[in-house]
């Protein structure tokens, strides 16, 4: 996962789009309601609301919010928005800015005019249902376009290229887009003679901002009227993962680690649509590869790891205009945001991670190779959890919690850190862990999951803030709230989640 692609507003563009001078977000300190796990869901106010919620549920497990949805697209959306309204509301703020901010308003403009026409009718109905469910739960200030733009956080930079230019004398710059390569996520998939039963095993740690990830602890189990039953990790109000963890009842397994965005195609299909379609409608690696590559808009470039019930697994490094595909029925792919495919690496050019052992992404790439050799033939869910919990720094040659670990903990000092990895100075790292097997997916969409550091190490917000006194002043009250919430809510140990 990587939310580093951001839309930056020039004053003139805000003036041109919004009909007035760019307005700043409210500066007064705000009080934020405690993030509740499980959420406090209001009783249905009418028989119509009760009917829409039929078959759905929400509960808490080991720091996770576990949500079951079923029905038509509108019904699934309504249930999502109603049951997870607080998570959805905070997620919108995390992804597209504070209410009334220029960032949110221009993101909504992009969502309404350039993204919405590229969303299939089925998912339009679901997104409308989410907004309606949030309104029914009391969150009436969040609009449909807020919901759409939050779902499209990875696509906004691509479609913002379609915003009209302005010749306003007030502007020194128009809206610009920035895509920065950051470390993040450690994932693997194995099959055949690499695993104990010959079937696929998949694992993933999400790396994210500690202050923005707190509402992404929702595990959805969806039973739609069309397609396969499927599960995904996200925050409330989202129809796709964003953390990129999917299983479906046909046995499709899907995860990823992020690469650098290079070339956008704003006539293409949003990545949140393509990923969701793969999870809901595809049963084989070949089908998922087609769904993800067909109409690629270049947003959210990833190395997708995919597995299916035939025992096939694949690494799909999907860039802006090109991709590298490797498939096998006997083998292992480890992924750490390091672009090793010749086509996508050439497309990244100077922003591709260098082959230097001290580089965070390459060090983890090396570690995956070491763990592959160590556990080959013995990989199962337990070994998967061990690997995703790993805190060995290959550059230093020792176990040490830092940014070079598969279970990244950049809040600790990383000796020998290169300027290439300056992002490590932010509180960002592994925020969860998930592992599943083909059998677990086929028997209830189950997974082993950890909310927090899978290593068992705990992130202490109070200690971090004391050691970095300028961070709070530079990032604001909402970021401090998010940092403290993640610290308070994370459990840092594994537990079983199931769709049954």
Protein backbone atom coordinates (compact mmCIF):
# COMPACT_ATOMS: atom_id res chain seq x y z
CA UNK A 1 0.00 0.00 0.00
CA UNK A 2 1.24 3.49 -0.77
CA UNK A 3 -0.64 6.70 -0.26
CA UNK A 4 2.35 8.89 -1.18
CA UNK A 5 0.79 9.88 -4.51
CA UNK A 6 -0.93 13.13 -3.71
CA UNK A 7 -2.74 15.93 -5.46
CA UNK A 8 -1.17 19.29 -4.64
CA UNK A 9 -3.22 22.42 -5.14
CA UNK A 10 -1.92 25.62 -6.64
CA UNK A 11 -3.93 28.67 -5.62
CA UNK A 12 -4.98 29.47 -9.15
CA UNK A 13 -6.35 26.02 -9.90
CA UNK A 14 -8.35 26.07 -6.68
CA UNK A 15 -9.71 29.48 -7.73
CA UNK A 16 -10.62 28.24 -11.20
CA UNK A 17 -12.33 25.05 -10.02
CA UNK A 18 -14.07 26.30 -6.95
CA UNK A 19 -15.11 29.76 -8.07
CA UNK A 20 -13.15 31.62 -5.43
CA UNK A 21 -9.83 31.91 -3.67
CA UNK A 22 -8.30 28.74 -2.29
CA UNK A 23 -9.44 28.25 1.28
CA UNK A 24 -7.35 26.69 3.98
CA UNK A 25 -8.52 23.85 6.18
CA UNK A 26 -9.79 24.93 9.60
CA UNK A 27 -6.83 25.68 11.84
CA UNK A 28 -8.57 25.45 15.19
CA UNK A 29 -7.80 22.38 17.24
CA UNK A 30 -10.52 19.77 16.85
CA UNK A 31 -11.72 17.04 19.18
CA UNK A 32 -12.00 13.65 17.52
CA UNK A 33 -14.36 10.96 18.73
CA UNK A 34 -12.59 7.82 19.98
CA UNK A 35 -12.30 5.18 17.27
CA UNK A 36 -14.48 2.31 18.44
CA UNK A 37 -13.73 -1.38 17.88
CA UNK A 38 -16.33 -2.77 17.40
CA UNK A 39 -18.16 0.29 16.07
CA UNK A 40 -21.23 1.63 17.82
CA UNK A 41 -23.98 0.94 15.29
CA UNK A 42 -27.33 2.71 15.72
CA UNK A 43 -30.53 0.68 15.81
CA UNK A 44 -32.41 0.79 12.50
CA UNK A 45 -34.70 3.81 12.42
CA UNK A 46 -37.22 2.15 10.10
CA UNK A 47 -38.34 -1.15 8.67
CA UNK A 48 -36.74 -0.17 5.36
CA UNK A 49 -33.33 0.25 7.00
CA UNK A 50 -33.74 -3.04 8.86
CA UNK A 51 -34.56 -4.78 5.57
CA UNK A 52 -31.43 -3.39 3.92
CA UNK A 53 -29.31 -4.66 6.82
CA UNK A 54 -30.72 -8.20 6.67
CA UNK A 55 -27.96 -10.81 6.66
CA UNK A 56 -25.20 -8.39 7.63
CA UNK A 57 -23.23 -8.19 10.87
CA UNK A 58 -20.28 -6.47 12.53
CA UNK A 59 -18.08 -7.65 15.40
CA UNK A 60 -14.56 -7.27 16.80
CA UNK A 61 -11.75 -9.81 16.92
CA UNK A 62 -8.16 -9.23 18.06
CA UNK A 63 -8.21 -5.54 17.13
CA UNK A 64 -10.02 -6.11 13.83
CA UNK A 65 -13.51 -5.01 12.83
CA UNK A 66 -15.09 -8.04 11.14
CA UNK A 67 -17.96 -7.24 8.77
CA UNK A 68 -20.26 -9.58 6.85
CA UNK A 69 -22.20 -8.17 3.88
CA UNK A 70 -24.65 -9.81 1.52
CA UNK A 71 -27.18 -8.94 -1.13
CA UNK A 72 -27.49 -6.67 -4.15
CA UNK A 73 -24.86 -4.03 -4.96
CA UNK A 74 -26.93 -1.29 -3.31
CA UNK A 75 -27.66 -3.46 -0.28
CA UNK A 76 -23.99 -4.43 0.16
CA UNK A 77 -23.04 -0.77 -0.10
CA UNK A 78 -25.69 0.34 2.39
CA UNK A 79 -24.60 -2.31 4.89
CA UNK A 80 -20.98 -1.26 4.47
CA UNK A 81 -21.70 2.43 5.01
CA UNK A 82 -24.08 1.85 7.93
CA UNK A 83 -22.05 -0.71 9.88
CA UNK A 84 -18.66 0.96 9.38
CA UNK A 85 -19.69 4.62 9.24
CA UNK A 86 -17.10 5.88 11.71
CA UNK A 87 -14.25 4.02 10.00
CA UNK A 88 -15.50 5.28 6.63
CA UNK A 89 -15.71 8.86 7.87
CA UNK A 90 -12.18 8.78 9.27
CA UNK A 91 -10.96 6.99 6.14
CA UNK A 92 -12.29 9.78 3.94
CA UNK A 93 -10.45 12.31 6.06
CA UNK A 94 -7.23 10.28 5.88
CA UNK A 95 -7.41 9.76 2.12
CA UNK A 96 -8.80 13.03 0.75
CA UNK A 97 -8.39 15.60 3.51
CA UNK A 98 -10.40 17.42 6.12
CA UNK A 99 -13.97 18.60 5.48
CA UNK A 100 -13.90 21.92 3.65
CA UNK A 101 -10.27 21.59 2.58
CA UNK A 102 -9.24 22.46 -0.96
CA UNK A 103 -7.68 19.02 -1.31
CA UNK A 104 -10.99 17.29 -0.60
CA UNK A 105 -12.99 19.59 -2.86
CA UNK A 106 -10.68 19.14 -5.84
CA UNK A 107 -10.46 15.38 -5.18
CA UNK A 108 -14.26 15.30 -5.27
CA UNK A 109 -14.20 17.29 -8.53
CA UNK A 110 -11.90 14.71 -10.09
CA UNK A 111 -14.02 11.86 -8.72
CA UNK A 112 -17.30 13.25 -10.03
CA UNK A 113 -16.23 14.32 -13.50
CA UNK A 114 -13.39 11.99 -14.49
CA UNK A 115 -13.54 8.84 -12.35
CA UNK A 116 -17.28 8.23 -11.89
CA UNK A 117 -17.95 7.78 -15.67
CA UNK A 118 -15.34 4.98 -15.65
CA UNK A 119 -16.98 3.06 -12.79
CA UNK A 120 -19.32 0.21 -13.87
CA UNK A 121 -22.99 0.55 -12.96
CA UNK A 122 -22.74 -2.28 -10.42
CA UNK A 123 -20.12 -0.45 -8.41
CA UNK A 124 -21.84 2.90 -8.84
CA UNK A 125 -24.85 1.34 -7.12
CA UNK A 126 -22.64 0.05 -4.33
CA UNK A 127 -20.94 3.41 -3.82
CA UNK A 128 -24.31 5.17 -3.72
CA UNK A 129 -25.40 2.59 -1.15
CA UNK A 130 -22.33 3.35 1.01
CA UNK A 131 -23.16 7.07 1.04
CA UNK A 132 -26.80 6.29 1.87
CA UNK A 133 -25.76 3.94 4.67
CA UNK A 134 -23.42 6.52 6.18
CA UNK A 135 -26.20 9.12 6.06
CA UNK A 136 -28.63 6.72 7.75
CA UNK A 137 -26.03 6.10 10.48
CA UNK A 138 -25.76 9.84 11.15
CA UNK A 139 -22.76 10.81 9.00
CA UNK A 140 -24.64 13.12 6.67
CA UNK A 141 -21.74 15.48 5.99
CA UNK A 142 -19.93 12.88 3.88
CA UNK A 143 -21.13 13.08 0.29
CA UNK A 144 -21.23 10.51 -2.50
CA UNK A 145 -18.22 12.23 -4.08
CA UNK A 146 -16.31 12.01 -0.80
CA UNK A 147 -16.97 8.27 -0.85
CA UNK A 148 -15.89 7.92 -4.49
CA UNK A 149 -12.74 10.01 -4.11
CA UNK A 150 -11.71 8.07 -0.99
CA UNK A 151 -12.13 4.80 -2.88
CA UNK A 152 -10.12 6.29 -5.74
CA UNK A 153 -7.26 7.65 -3.61
CA UNK A 154 -4.78 5.65 -5.72
CA UNK A 155 -6.33 6.90 -8.97
CA UNK A 156 -6.76 10.61 -8.23
CA UNK A 157 -3.32 11.62 -9.51
CA UNK A 158 -3.96 9.90 -12.84
CA UNK A 159 -7.31 11.51 -13.59
CA UNK A 160 -6.38 14.93 -12.21
CA UNK A 161 -4.39 15.30 -15.42
CA UNK A 162 -7.77 15.90 -17.09
CA UNK A 163 -8.53 18.97 -14.98
CA UNK A 164 -8.81 22.10 -17.13
CA UNK A 165 -5.83 24.41 -17.25
CA UNK A 166 -6.27 28.00 -16.17
CA UNK A 167 -4.79 31.22 -17.41
CA UNK A 168 -5.70 33.04 -14.24
CA UNK A 169 -3.26 35.80 -13.38
CA UNK A 170 -3.53 34.67 -9.76
CA UNK A 171 -1.82 31.37 -10.38
CA UNK A 172 1.90 30.75 -10.27
CA UNK A 173 1.32 27.06 -10.74
CA UNK A 174 -1.57 24.83 -11.71
CA UNK A 175 -2.56 21.68 -9.91
CA UNK A 176 0.44 19.39 -9.98
CA UNK A 177 0.91 15.74 -9.19
CA UNK A 178 3.66 14.18 -7.18
CA UNK A 179 4.41 10.45 -7.06
CA UNK A 180 7.15 9.48 -4.63
CA UNK A 181 8.63 6.02 -4.28
CA UNK A 182 8.46 4.82 -0.70
CA UNK A 183 9.21 1.55 0.95
CA UNK A 184 6.23 -0.46 2.01
CA UNK A 185 4.72 -3.95 2.27
CA UNK A 186 6.34 -7.36 2.45
CA UNK A 187 4.52 -10.23 0.73
CA UNK A 188 5.08 -13.76 -0.54
CA UNK A 189 3.29 -16.56 -2.32
CA UNK A 190 4.48 -20.16 -2.62
CA UNK A 191 3.17 -23.38 -4.17
CA UNK A 192 3.97 -26.92 -5.30
CA UNK A 193 7.20 -28.35 -3.92
CA UNK A 194 7.74 -25.20 -1.83
CA UNK A 195 4.73 -25.88 0.43
CA UNK A 196 3.82 -28.77 2.71
CA UNK A 197 0.66 -29.74 0.82
CA UNK A 198 1.63 -28.59 -2.67
CA UNK A 199 -1.02 -25.85 -2.61
CA UNK A 200 -0.58 -22.06 -2.56
CA UNK A 201 0.27 -20.21 0.67
CA UNK A 202 0.17 -16.38 0.72
CA UNK A 203 1.24 -13.73 3.24
CA UNK A 204 1.40 -9.95 3.46
CA UNK A 205 2.41 -7.14 5.82
CA UNK A 206 0.95 -3.73 5.00
CA UNK A 207 3.31 -0.81 5.48
CA UNK A 208 1.54 2.48 6.04
CA UNK A 209 1.65 5.74 7.96
CA UNK A 210 0.98 4.91 11.60
CA UNK A 211 -1.11 8.06 11.96
CA UNK A 212 -3.32 7.25 8.97
CA UNK A 213 -3.75 3.48 9.15
CA UNK A 214 -5.88 3.19 12.28
CA UNK A 215 -9.19 2.94 10.41
CA UNK A 216 -7.90 0.28 7.96
CA UNK A 217 -8.49 -2.55 10.42
CA UNK A 218 -11.71 -3.76 8.75
CA UNK A 219 -11.93 -7.27 7.31
CA UNK A 220 -14.92 -7.60 4.98
CA UNK A 221 -16.63 -10.86 4.01
CA UNK A 222 -18.94 -10.25 1.06
CA UNK A 223 -21.60 -12.51 -0.43
CA UNK A 224 -22.84 -10.70 -3.55
CA UNK A 225 -25.73 -11.76 -5.75
CA UNK A 226 -23.27 -12.06 -8.66
CA UNK A 227 -19.77 -13.48 -8.67
CA UNK A 228 -17.90 -15.31 -5.93
CA UNK A 229 -17.98 -14.68 -2.21
CA UNK A 230 -14.81 -12.79 -1.32
CA UNK A 231 -12.96 -11.14 1.53
CA UNK A 232 -10.73 -8.09 1.66
CA UNK A 233 -9.02 -5.83 4.18
CA UNK A 234 -9.77 -2.11 4.04
CA UNK A 235 -11.35 0.71 5.99
CA UNK A 236 -15.06 1.34 6.19
CA UNK A 237 -16.77 2.66 3.09
CA UNK A 238 -14.37 1.07 0.61
CA UNK A 239 -15.32 -1.43 -2.09
CA UNK A 240 -11.73 -2.59 -2.59
CA UNK A 241 -8.81 -3.30 -0.31
CA UNK A 242 -6.15 -0.62 -0.77
CA UNK A 243 -4.20 -2.76 1.72
CA UNK A 244 -4.40 -5.34 -1.07
CA UNK A 245 -5.44 -8.53 0.62
CA UNK A 246 -8.09 -10.60 -1.18
CA UNK A 247 -9.41 -14.15 -1.13
CA UNK A 248 -12.46 -15.57 -2.90
CA UNK A 249 -14.54 -18.72 -2.66
CA UNK A 250 -13.14 -20.06 -5.94
CA UNK A 251 -9.72 -20.12 -4.29
CA UNK A 252 -8.24 -17.01 -5.87
CA UNK A 253 -5.54 -15.41 -3.69
CA UNK A 254 -4.40 -11.86 -4.44
CA UNK A 255 -1.98 -9.48 -2.76
CA UNK A 256 0.73 -6.96 -3.75
CA UNK A 257 3.55 -4.60 -2.86
CA UNK A 258 3.71 -1.16 -4.40
CA UNK A 259 6.10 -0.01 -7.12
CA UNK A 260 6.63 3.54 -8.37
CA UNK A 261 4.05 5.22 -10.61
CA UNK A 262 5.63 6.33 -13.88
CA UNK A 263 3.19 6.82 -16.77
CA UNK A 264 -0.55 7.45 -16.47
CA UNK A 265 -3.29 6.71 -19.01
CA UNK A 266 -6.30 8.77 -17.86
CA UNK A 267 -8.56 7.02 -20.38
CA UNK A 268 -7.97 3.73 -18.56
CA UNK A 269 -9.95 1.88 -15.88
CA UNK A 270 -9.40 2.89 -12.24
CA UNK A 271 -7.27 0.43 -10.30
CA UNK A 272 -9.87 0.20 -7.51
CA UNK A 273 -12.34 -1.10 -10.10
CA UNK A 274 -9.90 -3.59 -11.66
CA UNK A 275 -8.78 -5.00 -8.30
CA UNK A 276 -12.36 -5.35 -7.08
CA UNK A 277 -13.47 -7.09 -10.28
CA UNK A 278 -10.62 -9.59 -10.01
CA UNK A 279 -11.56 -10.42 -6.42
CA UNK A 280 -15.26 -10.83 -7.19
CA UNK A 281 -15.30 -12.46 -10.61
CA UNK A 282 -11.99 -14.24 -11.31
CA UNK A 283 -11.06 -17.79 -10.34
CA UNK A 284 -7.71 -18.30 -12.07
CA UNK A 285 -4.37 -16.55 -12.31
CA UNK A 286 -4.91 -16.03 -16.03
CA UNK A 287 -8.26 -14.32 -15.49
CA UNK A 288 -6.88 -12.06 -12.76
CA UNK A 289 -3.90 -11.07 -14.90
CA UNK A 290 -6.26 -10.10 -17.71
CA UNK A 291 -8.51 -8.08 -15.40
CA UNK A 292 -5.60 -6.20 -13.85
CA UNK A 293 -3.79 -5.46 -17.11
CA UNK A 294 -6.79 -4.73 -19.35
CA UNK A 295 -7.43 -1.00 -19.40
CA UNK A 296 -4.50 -0.33 -17.05
CA UNK A 297 -4.43 3.39 -16.23
CA UNK A 298 -0.93 3.26 -14.78
CA UNK A 299 -2.04 4.24 -11.29
CA UNK A 300 -0.80 2.35 -8.23
CA UNK A 301 1.89 0.33 -9.99
CA UNK A 302 2.36 -2.93 -8.11
CA UNK A 303 3.93 -6.32 -8.02
CA UNK A 304 0.77 -8.42 -7.74
CA UNK A 305 1.13 -11.91 -6.29
CA UNK A 306 -1.67 -14.21 -7.43
CA UNK A 307 -2.59 -17.84 -6.74
CA UNK A 308 -5.44 -20.17 -7.64
CA UNK A 309 -6.94 -23.58 -6.94
CA UNK A 310 -4.95 -25.24 -9.75
CA UNK A 311 -1.78 -24.57 -7.76
CA UNK A 312 -0.58 -21.87 -10.15
CA UNK A 313 1.02 -18.75 -8.69
CA UNK A 314 2.27 -15.63 -10.43
CA UNK A 315 4.22 -12.44 -9.95
CA UNK A 316 2.70 -9.67 -12.07
CA UNK A 317 4.85 -6.54 -11.97
CA UNK A 318 2.43 -4.05 -13.47
CA UNK A 319 3.88 -0.70 -14.45
CA UNK A 320 2.45 2.26 -16.30
CA UNK A 321 2.60 0.93 -19.87
CA UNK A 322 4.38 -2.42 -19.51
CA UNK A 323 4.39 -5.45 -17.25
CA UNK A 324 6.51 -8.48 -16.36
CA UNK A 325 4.71 -11.76 -15.72
CA UNK A 326 6.24 -14.87 -14.14
CA UNK A 327 4.17 -17.98 -13.40
CA UNK A 328 4.91 -21.37 -11.84
CA UNK A 329 3.34 -24.39 -10.18
CA UNK A 330 6.48 -25.11 -8.18
CA UNK A 331 8.13 -22.18 -6.51
CA UNK A 332 8.15 -19.05 -4.40
CA UNK A 333 7.85 -15.33 -5.04
CA UNK A 334 8.85 -12.82 -2.37
CA UNK A 335 7.92 -9.17 -2.85
CA UNK A 336 9.24 -6.07 -1.09
CA UNK A 337 8.54 -3.11 -3.41
CA UNK A 338 11.74 -3.97 -5.30
CA UNK A 339 11.24 -3.93 -9.08
CA UNK A 340 13.21 -6.85 -10.50
CA UNK A 341 11.32 -7.26 -13.80
CA UNK A 342 13.30 -6.03 -16.84
CA UNK A 343 10.41 -4.20 -18.52
CA UNK A 344 9.01 -2.43 -15.47
CA UNK A 345 12.48 -1.71 -14.11
CA UNK A 346 13.45 -0.05 -17.39
CA UNK A 347 10.23 1.98 -17.28
CA UNK A 348 11.02 3.19 -13.75
CA UNK A 349 14.49 4.26 -14.89
CA UNK A 350 16.30 6.45 -12.36
CA UNK A 351 13.61 6.02 -9.70
CA UNK A 352 14.04 2.22 -9.58
CA UNK A 353 15.61 1.00 -6.34
CA UNK A 354 19.36 0.45 -6.75
CA UNK A 355 20.95 -2.93 -6.16
CA UNK A 356 22.58 -1.75 -2.95
CA UNK A 357 22.43 -3.98 0.17
CA UNK A 358 21.73 -1.01 2.47
CA UNK A 359 18.60 0.03 0.52
CA UNK A 360 15.45 -0.87 2.44
CA UNK A 361 13.56 -2.52 -0.43
CA UNK A 362 16.58 -4.44 -1.76
CA UNK A 363 17.59 -5.65 1.72
CA UNK A 364 14.12 -7.14 2.16
CA UNK A 365 14.31 -8.67 -1.35
CA UNK A 366 17.52 -10.40 -0.24
CA UNK A 367 15.81 -11.57 2.95
CA UNK A 368 12.99 -13.18 1.01
CA UNK A 369 15.60 -15.18 -0.91
CA UNK A 370 17.18 -16.34 2.33
CA UNK A 371 13.84 -17.39 3.83
CA UNK A 372 12.89 -19.16 0.60
CA UNK A 373 16.04 -21.29 0.88
CA UNK A 374 15.50 -21.90 4.61
CA UNK A 375 11.87 -22.99 4.46
CA UNK A 376 11.47 -24.38 0.93
CA UNK A 377 9.31 -27.50 1.05
CA UNK A 378 8.08 -26.69 4.57
CA UNK A 379 5.98 -23.59 3.95
CA UNK A 380 2.53 -23.60 5.54
CA UNK A 381 0.49 -21.02 7.45
CA UNK A 382 2.72 -21.27 10.52
CA UNK A 383 5.90 -20.74 8.53
CA UNK A 384 4.15 -17.92 6.69
CA UNK A 385 3.46 -16.15 9.98
CA UNK A 386 7.08 -16.66 11.02
CA UNK A 387 8.32 -15.09 7.79
CA UNK A 388 5.95 -12.12 7.95
CA UNK A 389 7.09 -11.54 11.56
CA UNK A 390 10.77 -11.46 10.59
CA UNK A 391 13.01 -8.68 11.95
CA UNK A 392 16.40 -9.66 10.47
CA UNK A 393 18.45 -6.89 8.84
CA UNK A 394 20.46 -8.51 6.01
CA UNK A 395 22.72 -5.48 5.59
CA UNK A 396 23.86 -5.63 9.21
CA UNK A 397 23.65 -9.42 9.35
CA UNK A 398 21.69 -9.57 12.57
CA UNK A 399 18.22 -9.47 14.06
CA UNK A 400 17.30 -5.85 14.71
CA UNK A 401 13.91 -4.08 14.54
CA UNK A 402 14.38 -1.40 11.90
CA UNK A 403 13.31 -0.36 8.38
CA UNK A 404 15.16 -3.18 6.57
CA UNK A 405 13.06 -5.91 8.18
CA UNK A 406 10.22 -7.72 6.45
CA UNK A 407 8.14 -6.66 9.45
CA UNK A 408 9.42 -3.11 9.10
CA UNK A 409 9.77 -0.98 12.23
CA UNK A 410 11.28 2.32 11.03
CA UNK A 411 10.38 4.01 14.31
CA UNK A 412 13.62 2.44 15.52
CA UNK A 413 16.96 3.75 14.27
CA UNK A 414 18.21 2.08 11.07
CA UNK A 415 22.03 2.06 11.07
CA UNK A 416 23.65 2.90 7.74
CA UNK A 417 20.49 4.38 6.29
CA UNK A 418 21.01 5.90 2.84
CA UNK A 419 19.54 9.22 1.69
CA UNK A 420 17.59 7.16 -0.88
CA UNK A 421 15.45 5.95 2.02
CA UNK A 422 14.85 9.31 3.68
CA UNK A 423 11.15 8.42 3.98
CA UNK A 424 12.14 6.17 6.89
CA UNK A 425 12.33 9.27 9.08
CA UNK A 426 8.49 9.32 9.14
CA UNK A 427 6.50 7.04 11.50
CA UNK A 428 5.60 4.49 8.84
CA UNK A 429 6.08 0.73 8.74
CA UNK A 430 4.37 -2.63 9.10
CA UNK A 431 0.90 -2.11 10.53
CA UNK A 432 -0.49 -5.64 10.22
CA UNK A 433 0.18 -9.19 9.05
CA UNK A 434 -1.98 -11.70 7.17
CA UNK A 435 -1.39 -15.28 6.04
CA UNK A 436 -3.71 -17.72 4.30
CA UNK A 437 -3.61 -20.95 2.35
CA UNK A 438 -5.59 -22.29 -0.57
CA UNK A 439 -7.47 -24.62 1.77
CA UNK A 440 -8.31 -21.80 4.19
CA UNK A 441 -9.69 -19.68 1.33
CA UNK A 442 -11.87 -22.51 0.08
CA UNK A 443 -13.11 -23.28 3.61
CA UNK A 444 -14.60 -20.00 4.79
CA UNK A 445 -12.22 -17.35 3.40
CA UNK A 446 -10.15 -17.72 6.56
CA UNK A 447 -6.83 -16.10 7.34
CA UNK A 448 -4.43 -15.63 10.19
CA UNK A 449 -4.22 -11.92 10.91
CA UNK A 450 -2.35 -9.57 13.24
CA UNK A 451 -3.29 -5.93 13.84
CA UNK A 452 -0.05 -4.14 14.65
CA UNK A 453 3.52 -5.39 14.30
CA UNK A 454 3.46 -9.10 13.48
CA UNK A 455 6.81 -9.41 15.28
CA UNK A 456 5.05 -8.72 18.58
CA UNK A 457 6.91 -5.45 19.08
CA UNK A 458 4.58 -2.63 20.06
CA UNK A 459 4.64 0.88 18.64
CA UNK A 460 4.45 3.33 21.55
CA UNK A 461 3.04 6.63 20.35
CA UNK A 462 3.84 8.46 23.58
CA UNK A 463 7.51 7.48 23.38
CA UNK A 464 7.69 8.45 19.71
CA UNK A 465 6.11 11.86 20.31
CA UNK A 466 8.44 12.51 23.24
CA UNK A 467 11.47 11.64 21.11
CA UNK A 468 10.22 13.71 18.15
CA UNK A 469 8.67 16.85 19.68
CA UNK A 470 8.38 18.69 16.36
CA UNK A 471 6.37 15.93 14.71
CA UNK A 472 3.07 16.88 16.39
CA UNK A 473 3.44 20.56 15.51
CA UNK A 474 4.32 19.76 11.90
CA UNK A 475 1.52 17.25 11.33
CA UNK A 476 -1.43 18.54 13.34
CA UNK A 477 -4.06 17.33 15.76
CA UNK A 478 -5.65 14.70 13.52
CA UNK A 479 -2.30 13.00 12.86
CA UNK A 480 -1.55 12.95 16.58
CA UNK A 481 -4.98 11.44 17.19
CA UNK A 482 -4.34 8.78 14.52
CA UNK A 483 -0.88 7.94 15.86
CA UNK A 484 -2.20 7.49 19.40
CA UNK A 485 -5.20 5.50 18.18
CA UNK A 486 -3.06 3.03 16.24
CA UNK A 487 -0.81 2.60 19.26
CA UNK A 488 -3.77 2.01 21.57
CA UNK A 489 -5.68 -0.34 19.24
CA UNK A 490 -2.88 -2.52 17.84
CA UNK A 491 -2.63 -5.99 19.38
CA UNK A 492 0.66 -7.25 17.86
CA UNK A 493 -0.26 -10.93 17.88
CA UNK A 494 -1.84 -13.36 15.45
CA UNK A 495 -5.41 -14.63 15.53
CA UNK A 496 -7.73 -16.52 13.21
CA UNK A 497 -10.36 -14.62 11.21
CA UNK A 498 -13.04 -16.48 9.28
CA UNK A 499 -15.90 -15.70 6.96
CA UNK A 500 -18.03 -18.53 8.37
